[in-house]
Amino acid sequence: MRIMRQVLDETDRRIAAALVAAPRASWREVARCLGLSERTVVRRVALLYADGTLRATVVRNPARFPHLIPVALRICCRPNKIRQVAQALARRPDTVWVDILGGGDEISTIFFLEGPEARNNLLLRDLPATDAVGSWTAHTLLRVFPTAFRWTAGLLSPEELAELVPGPAQPTASAPSYAPADVDTALIAGLTEDGRATYTDLARRAGTTALTARRRLEALLESQALRLATELDLALLGAQTEALLWISVRPGALQEAARPLSAHPHVRFCAATTGPANLVVAVATANLDALYTFLTDAVGPLEAVTAIDTTPLLATVKRTGLIRH
């Protein structure tokens, strides 16, 4: 088994942060952005990927795949069985995130379910049949705000981030429409396994040419059908405290509240949902004091917020579709 790093030096942290912001950036682009030699970047990043500290993948955007139903669940479990339940959830191919929350008796997970039958089987059959599960609440994700994906733990300056990722991500609703092609399924499967796979490797897997693979990937990204992702333990970048915020906002002000939160440098994920809370926000900060400051300075002034449930993360079992080791 590969042994992941327990600590990174400053150069490795900045390289990793650059690849979180731009998962398929070339080594030359990363080197130019960070003021390093390309040889240094190649040497260091090869080791980070080789030992599994960094892993590249892609995540589908359910808004571009009509059959997918994105659901966030808060599952209450018996504390002595919570790791077994979390690991069982992580092994399912339809889970994207699986986290154990602060009280030690609750799991938060995001599913991309393949249609109504899969949703009903999960909620009406699988969860009720699991003895360790006591109760749950279900939140369908209505809209994900993509600006939150520009998180870099503050390791990149705004100028460096702009050089790697020109301009903020646009709202999902305004992206060009996605027109599926026959090769897309194979391309997506290849990129899920290795988000930095070469166009030649992707073409071989999809039975097409490297030029076609490149064009289709560009179309998938431009239409926001896919999101490139670099998976790593955020503590390696100095984010020692992660939390989920379940926020209740007056419906008429939901967009107004979500926009500044999704653009905040501490926010990793932000989505409007159904259920008891209508906004879920994933936050990563250096420590508890920074989380407190975020709550008072970023969330506090939002007059439309009527309630908030802050739940620290104890452990991450799966993230961006990849099981943590």
Protein backbone atom coordinates (compact mmCIF):
# COMPACT_ATOMS: atom_id res chain seq x y z
CA MET A 1 0.00 0.00 0.00
CA ARG A 2 1.25 3.50 -0.84
CA ILE A 3 2.13 5.63 2.18
CA MET A 4 0.66 9.11 1.88
CA ARG A 5 2.63 12.09 3.19
CA GLN A 6 2.01 13.32 6.71
CA VAL A 7 3.55 16.73 6.09
CA LEU A 8 4.53 18.88 3.09
CA ASP A 9 7.10 21.63 2.89
CA GLU A 10 6.13 25.08 1.65
CA THR A 11 7.05 24.39 -1.98
CA ASP A 12 5.09 21.14 -2.10
CA ARG A 13 2.10 22.85 -0.48
CA ARG A 14 2.05 25.61 -3.08
CA ILE A 15 2.38 23.10 -5.92
CA ALA A 16 -0.47 21.04 -4.45
CA ALA A 17 -2.62 24.17 -4.03
CA ALA A 18 -1.99 25.10 -7.68
CA LEU A 19 -3.14 21.63 -8.76
CA VAL A 20 -6.26 21.90 -6.59
CA ALA A 21 -7.12 25.10 -8.45
CA ALA A 22 -6.10 23.79 -11.90
CA PRO A 23 -5.97 19.96 -11.85
CA ARG A 24 -4.78 19.56 -15.47
CA ALA A 25 -2.43 22.54 -15.59
CA SER A 26 0.84 21.74 -17.35
CA TRP A 27 4.03 21.58 -15.31
CA ARG A 28 5.26 24.61 -17.25
CA GLU A 29 2.15 26.59 -16.28
CA VAL A 30 2.51 25.60 -12.61
CA ALA A 31 6.21 26.50 -12.64
CA ARG A 32 5.60 29.90 -14.24
CA CYS A 33 2.76 30.70 -11.82
CA LEU A 34 4.79 29.80 -8.72
CA GLY A 35 8.15 31.18 -9.86
CA LEU A 36 9.81 27.75 -9.87
CA SER A 37 11.79 25.85 -12.47
CA GLU A 38 9.83 23.31 -14.48
CA ARG A 39 12.34 20.65 -13.44
CA THR A 40 11.57 21.32 -9.76
CA VAL A 41 7.83 21.03 -10.35
CA VAL A 42 8.18 17.78 -12.33
CA ARG A 43 10.44 16.20 -9.72
CA ARG A 44 8.28 17.12 -6.76
CA VAL A 45 4.87 16.49 -8.27
CA ALA A 46 5.90 13.04 -9.55
CA LEU A 47 6.53 11.96 -5.97
CA LEU A 48 3.25 13.47 -4.73
CA TYR A 49 1.23 11.50 -7.27
CA ALA A 50 3.35 8.33 -6.90
CA ASP A 51 2.64 7.95 -3.18
CA GLY A 52 -1.04 8.88 -3.49
CA THR A 53 -0.74 12.19 -1.65
CA LEU A 54 -2.30 13.80 -4.74
CA ARG A 55 -4.88 12.05 -6.91
CA ALA A 56 -6.51 13.53 -9.99
CA THR A 57 -10.05 12.73 -11.04
CA VAL A 58 -13.24 14.26 -12.44
CA VAL A 59 -16.74 14.68 -11.02
CA ARG A 60 -19.86 14.80 -13.16
CA ASN A 61 -22.20 17.78 -12.91
CA PRO A 62 -25.71 16.36 -12.34
CA ALA A 63 -27.20 19.49 -13.90
CA ARG A 64 -25.79 18.27 -17.24
CA PHE A 65 -26.83 14.61 -16.78
CA PRO A 66 -30.65 14.67 -16.40
CA HIS A 67 -30.86 11.08 -15.14
CA LEU A 68 -28.62 11.81 -12.12
CA ILE A 69 -30.30 12.78 -8.84
CA PRO A 70 -27.83 14.50 -6.45
CA VAL A 71 -28.80 13.90 -2.83
CA ALA A 72 -27.04 14.92 0.40
CA LEU A 73 -27.88 12.73 3.40
CA ARG A 74 -27.29 13.25 7.11
CA ILE A 75 -27.38 9.76 8.57
CA CYS A 76 -27.53 9.10 12.33
CA CYS A 77 -25.83 5.82 13.31
CA ARG A 78 -24.89 3.85 16.39
CA PRO A 79 -21.45 5.28 17.36
CA ASN A 80 -19.84 1.84 17.65
CA LYS A 81 -20.86 1.04 14.07
CA ILE A 82 -20.29 4.38 12.39
CA ARG A 83 -16.97 3.50 10.74
CA GLN A 84 -18.40 0.31 9.26
CA VAL A 85 -21.39 2.20 7.87
CA ALA A 86 -19.17 4.98 6.49
CA GLN A 87 -16.87 2.47 4.80
CA ALA A 88 -19.82 0.59 3.32
CA LEU A 89 -21.18 3.87 1.93
CA ALA A 90 -17.77 4.76 0.52
CA ARG A 91 -17.58 1.47 -1.38
CA ARG A 92 -20.77 2.31 -3.25
CA PRO A 93 -20.03 3.68 -6.73
CA ASP A 94 -22.81 6.27 -6.41
CA THR A 95 -21.32 8.12 -3.40
CA VAL A 96 -19.14 11.18 -4.02
CA TRP A 97 -18.45 12.41 -0.47
CA VAL A 98 -18.59 10.46 2.82
CA ASP A 99 -17.65 12.26 6.04
CA ILE A 100 -18.05 11.40 9.73
CA LEU A 101 -19.36 14.45 11.56
CA GLY A 102 -18.43 16.00 14.88
CA GLY A 103 -20.64 14.13 17.32
CA GLY A 104 -19.31 10.75 16.26
CA ASP A 105 -22.81 9.43 15.55
CA GLU A 106 -23.59 11.11 12.23
CA ILE A 107 -22.44 10.69 8.63
CA SER A 108 -22.79 13.22 5.85
CA THR A 109 -22.70 11.85 2.35
CA ILE A 110 -23.48 13.01 -1.18
CA PHE A 111 -24.96 10.54 -3.64
CA PHE A 112 -25.29 10.85 -7.40
CA LEU A 113 -28.17 8.42 -7.85
CA GLU A 114 -28.96 6.90 -11.24
CA GLY A 115 -32.61 7.88 -11.48
CA PRO A 116 -35.75 7.70 -9.30
CA GLU A 117 -35.60 3.93 -8.82
CA ALA A 118 -32.09 4.12 -7.36
CA ARG A 119 -33.19 6.98 -5.09
CA ASN A 120 -36.23 5.06 -3.86
CA ASN A 121 -34.21 1.89 -3.31
CA LEU A 122 -31.73 3.82 -1.18
CA LEU A 123 -34.29 5.65 0.94
CA LEU A 124 -37.00 3.01 1.15
CA ARG A 125 -34.97 -0.22 1.15
CA ASP A 126 -31.22 0.08 1.79
CA LEU A 127 -31.15 2.55 4.68
CA PRO A 128 -34.16 1.08 6.55
CA ALA A 129 -32.57 -2.38 6.27
CA THR A 130 -29.31 -1.24 7.92
CA ASP A 131 -29.58 -1.99 11.66
CA ALA A 132 -26.87 0.52 12.63
CA VAL A 133 -28.77 3.39 11.00
CA GLY A 134 -31.26 5.15 13.26
CA SER A 135 -32.56 8.05 11.15
CA TRP A 136 -31.63 10.37 8.34
CA THR A 137 -32.57 13.57 6.56
CA ALA A 138 -32.37 13.90 2.78
CA HIS A 139 -31.52 17.07 0.86
CA THR A 140 -31.70 17.15 -2.95
CA LEU A 141 -29.04 19.46 -4.39
CA LEU A 142 -30.82 22.07 -6.49
CA ARG A 143 -27.82 24.11 -7.61
CA VAL A 144 -24.10 23.96 -6.96
CA PHE A 145 -22.23 27.28 -6.97
CA PRO A 146 -18.95 26.54 -8.77
CA THR A 147 -16.90 29.53 -7.59
CA ALA A 148 -16.24 27.60 -4.37
CA PHE A 149 -14.03 25.18 -6.32
CA ARG A 150 -11.31 27.86 -6.57
CA TRP A 151 -10.21 27.18 -2.96
CA THR A 152 -6.42 27.15 -2.47
CA ALA A 153 -6.03 27.36 1.35
CA GLY A 154 -4.70 30.89 0.84
CA LEU A 155 -1.43 29.50 -0.53
CA LEU A 156 -1.83 31.25 -3.88
CA SER A 157 -2.22 34.99 -4.28
CA PRO A 158 -5.19 36.30 -6.27
CA GLU A 159 -2.78 37.11 -9.11
CA GLU A 160 -1.35 33.59 -9.14
CA LEU A 161 -4.83 32.07 -9.06
CA ALA A 162 -5.97 34.31 -11.94
CA GLU A 163 -2.97 33.18 -13.99
CA LEU A 164 -3.83 29.51 -13.50
CA VAL A 165 -7.63 29.82 -13.70
CA PRO A 166 -8.50 32.89 -15.81
CA GLY A 167 -11.68 34.49 -14.49
CA PRO A 168 -14.13 33.08 -11.92
CA ALA A 169 -16.27 30.10 -12.83
CA GLN A 170 -19.61 31.10 -14.28
CA PRO A 171 -22.94 29.97 -12.78
CA THR A 172 -23.98 26.55 -14.01
CA ALA A 173 -27.18 27.88 -15.58
CA SER A 174 -25.23 30.08 -18.03
CA ALA A 175 -22.82 27.43 -19.34
CA PRO A 176 -23.10 26.23 -22.96
CA SER A 177 -25.41 23.27 -23.37
CA TYR A 178 -23.86 19.81 -23.25
CA ALA A 179 -24.34 17.69 -26.36
CA PRO A 180 -23.28 14.09 -25.54
CA ALA A 181 -21.03 12.18 -27.94
CA ASP A 182 -20.54 8.43 -28.21
CA VAL A 183 -16.98 8.58 -26.86
CA ASP A 184 -17.88 10.54 -23.73
CA THR A 185 -18.68 7.57 -21.49
CA ALA A 186 -15.24 6.04 -22.07
CA LEU A 187 -13.53 9.41 -21.67
CA ILE A 188 -15.30 10.11 -18.39
CA ALA A 189 -14.41 6.63 -17.09
CA GLY A 190 -10.75 7.18 -17.98
CA LEU A 191 -10.64 10.62 -16.40
CA THR A 192 -12.36 9.36 -13.25
CA GLU A 193 -9.50 6.91 -12.78
CA ASP A 194 -6.82 9.48 -13.70
CA GLY A 195 -7.79 13.09 -14.20
CA ARG A 196 -4.37 13.80 -15.72
CA ALA A 197 -4.43 10.97 -18.27
CA THR A 198 -2.85 12.00 -21.56
CA TYR A 199 -5.02 12.54 -24.61
CA THR A 200 -3.28 9.56 -26.21
CA ASP A 201 -4.25 7.30 -23.30
CA LEU A 202 -7.81 8.63 -23.31
CA ALA A 203 -8.06 8.13 -27.06
CA ARG A 204 -6.85 4.55 -26.78
CA ARG A 205 -9.46 3.83 -24.13
CA ALA A 206 -12.26 5.47 -26.13
CA GLY A 207 -11.24 4.02 -29.50
CA THR A 208 -10.71 7.41 -31.09
CA THR A 209 -7.92 9.87 -31.91
CA ALA A 210 -6.02 12.07 -29.47
CA LEU A 211 -7.38 15.16 -31.25
CA THR A 212 -10.97 13.96 -30.79
CA ALA A 213 -10.31 13.12 -27.12
CA ARG A 214 -8.95 16.62 -26.58
CA ARG A 215 -11.89 18.29 -28.31
CA ARG A 216 -14.43 16.24 -26.38
CA LEU A 217 -12.74 16.96 -23.03
CA GLU A 218 -12.71 20.67 -23.85
CA ALA A 219 -16.42 20.47 -24.70
CA LEU A 220 -17.18 18.61 -21.46
CA LEU A 221 -15.36 21.23 -19.41
CA GLU A 222 -16.71 24.26 -21.29
CA SER A 223 -20.29 23.06 -20.81
CA GLN A 224 -19.49 22.28 -17.14
CA ALA A 225 -20.59 18.68 -17.63
CA LEU A 226 -17.41 17.70 -15.76
CA ARG A 227 -15.37 19.26 -12.99
CA LEU A 228 -11.68 18.45 -12.75
CA ALA A 229 -10.60 17.70 -9.18
CA THR A 230 -7.40 17.06 -7.24
CA GLU A 231 -8.00 15.00 -4.11
CA LEU A 232 -5.74 15.30 -1.05
CA ASP A 233 -5.93 15.63 2.72
CA LEU A 234 -6.63 19.33 3.25
CA ALA A 235 -4.67 19.30 6.51
CA LEU A 236 -1.52 19.00 4.38
CA LEU A 237 -2.27 22.50 3.10
CA GLY A 238 -2.77 23.87 6.61
CA ALA A 239 -6.56 23.48 6.80
CA GLN A 240 -6.79 21.66 10.12
CA THR A 241 -10.51 22.39 10.68
CA GLU A 242 -13.29 21.37 8.31
CA ALA A 243 -16.99 21.85 8.95
CA LEU A 244 -20.34 21.58 7.21
CA LEU A 245 -22.80 24.41 7.65
CA TRP A 246 -26.49 23.64 7.18
CA ILE A 247 -27.99 27.09 6.72
CA SER A 248 -31.64 28.15 6.56
CA VAL A 249 -32.16 31.19 4.34
CA ARG A 250 -35.31 33.01 3.31
CA PRO A 251 -36.10 31.59 -0.17
CA GLY A 252 -36.23 34.98 -1.86
CA ALA A 253 -32.69 35.77 -0.69
CA LEU A 254 -31.10 32.38 -1.35
CA GLN A 255 -29.08 33.51 -4.37
CA GLU A 256 -28.05 36.71 -2.59
CA ALA A 257 -26.71 34.71 0.37
CA ALA A 258 -25.06 31.96 -1.66
CA ARG A 259 -23.00 34.21 -3.94
CA PRO A 260 -20.70 35.80 -1.33
CA LEU A 261 -20.37 32.55 0.61
CA SER A 262 -19.42 30.49 -2.46
CA ALA A 263 -16.74 33.05 -3.36
CA HIS A 264 -15.23 33.14 0.14
CA PRO A 265 -11.65 31.76 0.30
CA HIS A 266 -12.58 29.37 3.14
CA VAL A 267 -15.47 27.75 1.26
CA ARG A 268 -14.84 24.45 -0.54
CA PHE A 269 -18.41 23.66 -1.60
CA CYS A 270 -21.71 25.53 -1.65
CA ALA A 271 -25.09 24.29 -2.86
CA ALA A 272 -28.76 25.17 -2.58
CA THR A 273 -30.80 22.22 -1.33
CA THR A 274 -34.22 20.98 -0.38
CA GLY A 275 -34.94 19.85 3.17
CA PRO A 276 -34.83 21.44 6.63
CA ALA A 277 -31.89 23.67 5.58
CA ASN A 278 -31.78 25.13 2.08
CA LEU A 279 -28.05 25.90 1.81
CA VAL A 280 -25.15 23.57 2.59
CA VAL A 281 -21.63 24.98 2.78
CA ALA A 282 -18.35 23.07 3.30
CA VAL A 283 -15.69 25.18 5.01
CA ALA A 284 -11.97 24.52 5.48
CA THR A 285 -10.01 26.79 7.82
CA ALA A 286 -6.65 26.79 9.56
CA ASN A 287 -8.14 26.29 13.05
CA LEU A 288 -11.25 26.68 15.19
CA ASP A 289 -10.59 30.37 15.72
CA ALA A 290 -10.61 30.94 11.95
CA LEU A 291 -13.89 29.00 11.73
CA TYR A 292 -15.36 31.25 14.44
CA THR A 293 -14.23 34.33 12.52
CA PHE A 294 -15.83 32.97 9.35
CA LEU A 295 -19.13 32.44 11.15
CA THR A 296 -19.16 35.91 12.70
CA ASP A 297 -17.72 37.92 9.79
CA ALA A 298 -18.94 36.06 6.68
CA VAL A 299 -22.21 34.42 7.77
CA GLY A 300 -23.22 36.79 10.56
CA PRO A 301 -23.90 39.87 8.38
CA LEU A 302 -26.25 37.94 6.07
CA GLU A 303 -29.65 39.17 7.19
CA ALA A 304 -31.52 36.50 5.24
CA VAL A 305 -30.01 33.68 7.35
CA THR A 306 -32.59 32.48 9.87
CA ALA A 307 -30.76 29.45 11.35
CA ILE A 308 -27.45 27.62 11.08
CA ASP A 309 -26.23 24.20 12.18
CA THR A 310 -22.42 23.97 12.28
CA THR A 311 -21.05 20.41 12.27
CA PRO A 312 -17.26 19.86 12.40
CA LEU A 313 -15.83 16.94 10.43
CA LEU A 314 -14.11 14.19 12.40
CA ALA A 315 -12.94 12.09 9.48
CA THR A 316 -13.19 11.94 5.72
CA VAL A 317 -13.78 8.51 4.22
CA LYS A 318 -14.41 9.50 0.60
CA ARG A 319 -13.99 12.71 -1.35
CA THR A 320 -14.58 13.57 -5.04
CA GLY A 321 -15.52 9.93 -5.59
CA LEU A 322 -12.19 8.58 -4.27
CA ILE A 323 -11.87 6.52 -1.08
CA ARG A 324 -9.33 7.89 1.40
CA HIS A 325 -6.59 5.51 2.52
